[in-house]
Amino acid sequence: MPKVGSISSLLLPAPHIGRTNTGKYRYELQKKKREQQKKSAANRIDVKELKMGYNIDVHDYSVHLRAAQNFLKDGDKVKVIVNLKGHENEFRNNAIELIRRIQNDVGEVLIIF
C-alpha cells in the first residue's frame, strides 16, 4: 500500500505480467498425462475371463487351460465361468468338479464363479 503523501508510488507503472504460450503449456500437460498413462498401464493387472460349459470336450479344455496358464504367466488374474442353462442346473456337481479340475491343473489361485 502506498503512503498517503507519496505520489511517486502511484505514478510507477504496473508490474509486467508476461503472456504465457498456451499451446506449449497444453502440450506439456498432454505429455505428462501420456507418461502417467504409460506407467499405469505397465502396472495394471487385468482380469481375464474363461467361459465354458460343464460338458466341455477334452481338446477345448486343454485350450482353455493353456490360455489360463498364459494369462497367469503374464501377471493377469483369471476368472472361470461355467455356464449352466435351464435343465443343466441339475448337473451342478459336474460343473463344480470341472472347476476343481481346472484349479488343480493350473496350480494357482483362480477367481471362480
N, C-alpha and C. Protein backbone atom coordinates (compact mmCIF):
# COMPACT_ATOMS: atom_id res chain seq x y z
N MET A 1 0.84 -1.17 0.00
CA MET A 1 0.00 0.00 0.00
C MET A 1 0.89 1.23 0.00
N PRO A 2 0.58 2.17 -0.90
CA PRO A 2 1.37 3.41 -0.91
C PRO A 2 0.98 4.31 0.25
N LYS A 3 1.96 5.09 0.63
CA LYS A 3 1.68 6.07 1.69
C LYS A 3 0.77 7.15 1.14
N VAL A 4 0.07 7.81 2.03
CA VAL A 4 -0.90 8.83 1.61
C VAL A 4 -0.19 9.99 0.93
N GLY A 5 0.93 10.37 1.43
CA GLY A 5 1.62 11.53 0.87
C GLY A 5 2.55 11.19 -0.27
N SER A 6 2.69 9.92 -0.65
CA SER A 6 3.65 9.52 -1.67
C SER A 6 2.97 9.45 -3.02
N ILE A 7 3.33 10.41 -3.87
CA ILE A 7 2.76 10.46 -5.22
C ILE A 7 3.59 9.60 -6.16
N SER A 8 4.86 9.45 -5.92
CA SER A 8 5.72 8.72 -6.83
C SER A 8 5.34 7.24 -6.94
N SER A 9 4.86 6.67 -5.85
CA SER A 9 4.47 5.27 -5.90
C SER A 9 3.21 5.07 -6.76
N LEU A 10 2.38 6.08 -6.85
CA LEU A 10 1.19 5.99 -7.69
C LEU A 10 1.52 6.15 -9.16
N LEU A 11 2.61 6.82 -9.47
CA LEU A 11 2.98 7.07 -10.85
C LEU A 11 3.79 5.92 -11.46
N LEU A 12 4.25 5.00 -10.63
CA LEU A 12 5.03 3.87 -11.16
C LEU A 12 4.15 2.97 -12.02
N PRO A 13 4.72 2.44 -13.07
CA PRO A 13 3.91 1.56 -13.93
C PRO A 13 3.61 0.23 -13.20
N ALA A 14 2.54 -0.37 -13.61
CA ALA A 14 2.14 -1.66 -13.02
C ALA A 14 3.17 -2.72 -13.41
N PRO A 15 3.37 -3.69 -12.56
CA PRO A 15 4.34 -4.73 -12.91
C PRO A 15 3.91 -5.47 -14.17
N HIS A 16 4.89 -5.85 -14.96
CA HIS A 16 4.62 -6.50 -16.23
C HIS A 16 4.20 -7.96 -15.98
N ILE A 17 3.08 -8.32 -16.56
CA ILE A 17 2.59 -9.70 -16.47
C ILE A 17 2.82 -10.31 -17.84
N GLY A 18 3.73 -11.26 -17.91
CA GLY A 18 4.08 -11.86 -19.19
C GLY A 18 2.97 -12.76 -19.72
N ARG A 19 2.88 -12.81 -21.01
CA ARG A 19 1.89 -13.68 -21.64
C ARG A 19 2.49 -15.08 -21.75
N THR A 20 1.71 -16.07 -21.42
CA THR A 20 2.21 -17.44 -21.48
C THR A 20 1.83 -18.06 -22.82
N ASN A 21 2.66 -18.95 -23.26
CA ASN A 21 2.38 -19.67 -24.51
C ASN A 21 1.45 -20.83 -24.17
N THR A 22 0.15 -20.65 -24.45
CA THR A 22 -0.83 -21.66 -24.05
C THR A 22 -0.66 -22.95 -24.84
N GLY A 23 -0.22 -22.86 -26.07
CA GLY A 23 -0.01 -24.06 -26.88
C GLY A 23 1.06 -24.95 -26.26
N LYS A 24 2.15 -24.33 -25.86
CA LYS A 24 3.24 -25.09 -25.23
C LYS A 24 2.78 -25.66 -23.89
N TYR A 25 2.01 -24.88 -23.14
CA TYR A 25 1.50 -25.32 -21.85
C TYR A 25 0.60 -26.54 -22.01
N ARG A 26 -0.31 -26.49 -22.98
CA ARG A 26 -1.19 -27.63 -23.23
C ARG A 26 -0.41 -28.86 -23.67
N TYR A 27 0.60 -28.65 -24.50
CA TYR A 27 1.43 -29.75 -24.96
C TYR A 27 2.14 -30.42 -23.78
N GLU A 28 2.65 -29.62 -22.86
CA GLU A 28 3.34 -30.17 -21.69
C GLU A 28 2.36 -30.97 -20.82
N LEU A 29 1.13 -30.47 -20.66
CA LEU A 29 0.12 -31.20 -19.89
C LEU A 29 -0.21 -32.54 -20.55
N GLN A 30 -0.38 -32.54 -21.87
CA GLN A 30 -0.67 -33.77 -22.59
C GLN A 30 0.49 -34.75 -22.46
N LYS A 31 1.70 -34.24 -22.52
CA LYS A 31 2.89 -35.08 -22.41
C LYS A 31 2.95 -35.75 -21.04
N LYS A 32 2.67 -34.99 -19.97
CA LYS A 32 2.65 -35.55 -18.62
C LYS A 32 1.56 -36.60 -18.48
N LYS A 33 0.39 -36.32 -19.05
CA LYS A 33 -0.73 -37.24 -18.97
C LYS A 33 -0.40 -38.56 -19.68
N ARG A 34 0.24 -38.49 -20.85
CA ARG A 34 0.63 -39.69 -21.58
C ARG A 34 1.63 -40.52 -20.79
N GLU A 35 2.58 -39.87 -20.15
CA GLU A 35 3.57 -40.57 -19.34
C GLU A 35 2.91 -41.29 -18.17
N GLN A 36 1.94 -40.63 -17.51
CA GLN A 36 1.24 -41.25 -16.40
C GLN A 36 0.43 -42.46 -16.88
N GLN A 37 -0.18 -42.35 -18.05
CA GLN A 37 -0.96 -43.46 -18.59
C GLN A 37 -0.06 -44.64 -18.92
N LYS A 38 1.12 -44.38 -19.45
CA LYS A 38 2.06 -45.46 -19.75
C LYS A 38 2.48 -46.18 -18.48
N LYS A 39 2.77 -45.41 -17.43
CA LYS A 39 3.19 -46.01 -16.16
C LYS A 39 2.06 -46.82 -15.54
N SER A 40 0.83 -46.30 -15.60
CA SER A 40 -0.28 -47.03 -15.00
C SER A 40 -0.62 -48.27 -15.82
N ALA A 41 -0.44 -48.21 -17.14
CA ALA A 41 -0.73 -49.37 -17.98
C ALA A 41 0.28 -50.48 -17.72
N ALA A 42 1.51 -50.13 -17.41
CA ALA A 42 2.54 -51.13 -17.13
C ALA A 42 2.27 -51.84 -15.82
N ASN A 43 1.66 -51.17 -14.87
CA ASN A 43 1.42 -51.75 -13.54
C ASN A 43 0.01 -52.33 -13.39
N ARG A 44 -0.82 -52.18 -14.41
CA ARG A 44 -2.21 -52.61 -14.31
C ARG A 44 -2.33 -54.13 -14.43
N ILE A 45 -3.19 -54.73 -13.63
CA ILE A 45 -3.46 -56.16 -13.69
C ILE A 45 -4.89 -56.33 -14.18
N ASP A 46 -5.04 -57.05 -15.28
CA ASP A 46 -6.36 -57.27 -15.85
C ASP A 46 -6.94 -58.58 -15.34
N VAL A 47 -8.26 -58.69 -15.37
CA VAL A 47 -8.94 -59.93 -15.04
C VAL A 47 -9.46 -60.52 -16.34
N LYS A 48 -8.94 -61.68 -16.70
CA LYS A 48 -9.35 -62.36 -17.93
C LYS A 48 -10.41 -63.40 -17.58
N GLU A 49 -11.41 -63.53 -18.43
CA GLU A 49 -12.49 -64.47 -18.19
C GLU A 49 -12.38 -65.66 -19.14
N LEU A 50 -12.64 -66.84 -18.60
CA LEU A 50 -12.75 -68.06 -19.40
C LEU A 50 -14.13 -68.63 -19.17
N LYS A 51 -14.94 -68.68 -20.24
CA LYS A 51 -16.30 -69.20 -20.13
C LYS A 51 -16.36 -70.56 -20.81
N MET A 52 -17.06 -71.48 -20.16
CA MET A 52 -17.19 -72.82 -20.73
C MET A 52 -18.44 -73.48 -20.17
N GLY A 53 -18.86 -74.56 -20.82
CA GLY A 53 -19.97 -75.35 -20.34
C GLY A 53 -19.48 -76.47 -19.44
N TYR A 54 -20.40 -77.10 -18.73
CA TYR A 54 -19.99 -78.15 -17.80
C TYR A 54 -19.53 -79.42 -18.52
N ASN A 55 -19.98 -79.62 -19.77
CA ASN A 55 -19.63 -80.82 -20.52
C ASN A 55 -18.64 -80.49 -21.65
N ILE A 56 -17.56 -79.82 -21.30
CA ILE A 56 -16.58 -79.37 -22.27
C ILE A 56 -15.76 -80.56 -22.79
N ASP A 57 -15.37 -80.50 -24.05
CA ASP A 57 -14.58 -81.56 -24.68
C ASP A 57 -13.13 -81.50 -24.19
N VAL A 58 -12.40 -82.58 -24.36
CA VAL A 58 -11.02 -82.66 -23.87
C VAL A 58 -10.12 -81.63 -24.54
N HIS A 59 -10.25 -81.50 -25.86
CA HIS A 59 -9.40 -80.54 -26.58
C HIS A 59 -9.72 -79.11 -26.18
N ASP A 60 -11.01 -78.80 -26.09
CA ASP A 60 -11.42 -77.45 -25.68
C ASP A 60 -10.92 -77.14 -24.27
N TYR A 61 -10.98 -78.15 -23.40
CA TYR A 61 -10.48 -77.97 -22.03
C TYR A 61 -8.99 -77.65 -22.04
N SER A 62 -8.23 -78.36 -22.86
CA SER A 62 -6.78 -78.11 -22.90
C SER A 62 -6.47 -76.72 -23.45
N VAL A 63 -7.27 -76.24 -24.40
CA VAL A 63 -7.08 -74.89 -24.95
C VAL A 63 -7.35 -73.85 -23.87
N HIS A 64 -8.44 -74.02 -23.12
CA HIS A 64 -8.77 -73.09 -22.02
C HIS A 64 -7.70 -73.13 -20.94
N LEU A 65 -7.21 -74.33 -20.64
CA LEU A 65 -6.19 -74.48 -19.61
C LEU A 65 -4.90 -73.78 -20.01
N ARG A 66 -4.50 -73.93 -21.27
CA ARG A 66 -3.29 -73.26 -21.77
C ARG A 66 -3.46 -71.74 -21.74
N ALA A 67 -4.65 -71.26 -22.10
CA ALA A 67 -4.92 -69.82 -22.06
C ALA A 67 -4.83 -69.29 -20.64
N ALA A 68 -5.37 -70.04 -19.69
CA ALA A 68 -5.32 -69.61 -18.29
C ALA A 68 -3.88 -69.54 -17.80
N GLN A 69 -3.09 -70.52 -18.17
CA GLN A 69 -1.68 -70.52 -17.76
C GLN A 69 -0.93 -69.34 -18.36
N ASN A 70 -1.22 -69.01 -19.63
CA ASN A 70 -0.57 -67.87 -20.27
C ASN A 70 -0.98 -66.55 -19.61
N PHE A 71 -2.26 -66.43 -19.27
CA PHE A 71 -2.73 -65.22 -18.60
C PHE A 71 -2.04 -65.04 -17.26
N LEU A 72 -1.95 -66.12 -16.50
CA LEU A 72 -1.30 -66.04 -15.19
C LEU A 72 0.19 -65.75 -15.32
N LYS A 73 0.80 -66.28 -16.37
CA LYS A 73 2.22 -66.04 -16.60
C LYS A 73 2.48 -64.57 -16.92
N ASP A 74 1.52 -63.94 -17.60
CA ASP A 74 1.64 -62.51 -17.94
C ASP A 74 1.33 -61.61 -16.76
N GLY A 75 0.87 -62.19 -15.65
CA GLY A 75 0.59 -61.39 -14.46
C GLY A 75 -0.86 -60.98 -14.32
N ASP A 76 -1.74 -61.51 -15.17
CA ASP A 76 -3.15 -61.18 -15.08
C ASP A 76 -3.86 -62.16 -14.16
N LYS A 77 -5.08 -61.80 -13.75
CA LYS A 77 -5.91 -62.70 -12.97
C LYS A 77 -6.85 -63.43 -13.92
N VAL A 78 -7.27 -64.62 -13.54
CA VAL A 78 -8.15 -65.42 -14.39
C VAL A 78 -9.44 -65.71 -13.63
N LYS A 79 -10.56 -65.49 -14.31
CA LYS A 79 -11.88 -65.77 -13.74
C LYS A 79 -12.53 -66.84 -14.61
N VAL A 80 -12.90 -67.95 -14.00
CA VAL A 80 -13.50 -69.08 -14.72
C VAL A 80 -15.00 -69.06 -14.49
N ILE A 81 -15.75 -69.10 -15.59
CA ILE A 81 -17.21 -69.10 -15.52
C ILE A 81 -17.71 -70.36 -16.21
N VAL A 82 -18.50 -71.14 -15.50
CA VAL A 82 -19.12 -72.33 -16.09
C VAL A 82 -20.61 -72.02 -16.25
N ASN A 83 -21.03 -71.97 -17.52
CA ASN A 83 -22.42 -71.63 -17.82
C ASN A 83 -23.33 -72.84 -17.63
N LEU A 84 -24.42 -72.64 -16.92
CA LEU A 84 -25.45 -73.66 -16.76
C LEU A 84 -26.78 -73.03 -17.14
N LYS A 85 -27.45 -73.61 -18.14
CA LYS A 85 -28.71 -73.04 -18.62
C LYS A 85 -29.83 -74.06 -18.44
N GLY A 86 -30.93 -73.59 -17.92
CA GLY A 86 -32.13 -74.41 -17.82
C GLY A 86 -31.93 -75.69 -17.05
N HIS A 87 -32.17 -76.83 -17.72
CA HIS A 87 -32.09 -78.12 -17.04
C HIS A 87 -30.66 -78.52 -16.71
N GLU A 88 -29.67 -77.78 -17.23
CA GLU A 88 -28.27 -78.07 -16.92
C GLU A 88 -27.95 -77.82 -15.45
N ASN A 89 -28.81 -77.09 -14.74
CA ASN A 89 -28.60 -76.85 -13.32
C ASN A 89 -28.63 -78.14 -12.51
N GLU A 90 -29.24 -79.19 -13.07
CA GLU A 90 -29.25 -80.48 -12.40
C GLU A 90 -27.84 -81.10 -12.34
N PHE A 91 -26.96 -80.64 -13.26
CA PHE A 91 -25.59 -81.18 -13.34
C PHE A 91 -24.60 -80.22 -12.69
N ARG A 92 -25.03 -79.53 -11.66
CA ARG A 92 -24.18 -78.57 -10.97
C ARG A 92 -22.93 -79.24 -10.40
N ASN A 93 -23.06 -80.49 -9.96
CA ASN A 93 -21.91 -81.21 -9.41
C ASN A 93 -20.81 -81.40 -10.45
N ASN A 94 -21.21 -81.65 -11.71
CA ASN A 94 -20.22 -81.79 -12.78
C ASN A 94 -19.48 -80.47 -13.00
N ALA A 95 -20.19 -79.36 -12.90
CA ALA A 95 -19.56 -78.05 -13.07
C ALA A 95 -18.56 -77.78 -11.95
N ILE A 96 -18.92 -78.15 -10.73
CA ILE A 96 -18.02 -77.94 -9.59
C ILE A 96 -16.77 -78.81 -9.75
N GLU A 97 -16.95 -80.06 -10.22
CA GLU A 97 -15.79 -80.92 -10.47
C GLU A 97 -14.88 -80.33 -11.54
N LEU A 98 -15.49 -79.75 -12.59
CA LEU A 98 -14.70 -79.14 -13.66
C LEU A 98 -13.87 -77.97 -13.13
N ILE A 99 -14.47 -77.15 -12.29
CA ILE A 99 -13.75 -76.01 -11.71
C ILE A 99 -12.61 -76.48 -10.82
N ARG A 100 -12.87 -77.51 -10.03
CA ARG A 100 -11.79 -78.05 -9.18
C ARG A 100 -10.66 -78.64 -10.03
N ARG A 101 -11.02 -79.28 -11.13
CA ARG A 101 -10.01 -79.86 -12.03
C ARG A 101 -9.14 -78.76 -12.64
N ILE A 102 -9.78 -77.66 -13.06
CA ILE A 102 -9.01 -76.53 -13.61
C ILE A 102 -8.08 -75.97 -12.55
N GLN A 103 -8.59 -75.81 -11.35
CA GLN A 103 -7.78 -75.25 -10.27
C GLN A 103 -6.59 -76.14 -9.95
N ASN A 104 -6.78 -77.45 -9.96
CA ASN A 104 -5.68 -78.36 -9.70
C ASN A 104 -4.67 -78.36 -10.84
N ASP A 105 -5.15 -78.29 -12.10
CA ASP A 105 -4.25 -78.33 -13.25
C ASP A 105 -3.44 -77.05 -13.38
N VAL A 106 -4.06 -75.92 -13.08
CA VAL A 106 -3.34 -74.65 -13.17
C VAL A 106 -2.37 -74.52 -12.01
N GLY A 107 -2.81 -74.88 -10.82
CA GLY A 107 -1.93 -74.85 -9.65
C GLY A 107 -1.83 -73.50 -8.98
N GLU A 108 -2.61 -72.52 -9.41
CA GLU A 108 -2.60 -71.20 -8.79
C GLU A 108 -4.03 -70.84 -8.40
N VAL A 109 -4.16 -69.76 -7.67
CA VAL A 109 -5.47 -69.33 -7.19
C VAL A 109 -6.24 -68.69 -8.35
N LEU A 110 -7.46 -69.10 -8.55
CA LEU A 110 -8.33 -68.54 -9.59
C LEU A 110 -9.56 -67.94 -8.94
N ILE A 111 -10.16 -66.98 -9.62
CA ILE A 111 -11.44 -66.43 -9.20
C ILE A 111 -12.50 -67.32 -9.82
N ILE A 112 -13.36 -67.92 -9.02
CA ILE A 112 -14.32 -68.89 -9.52
C ILE A 112 -15.74 -68.38 -9.35
N PHE A 113 -16.51 -68.44 -10.45
CA PHE A 113 -17.92 -68.06 -10.42
C PHE A 113 -18.76 -69.17 -11.00
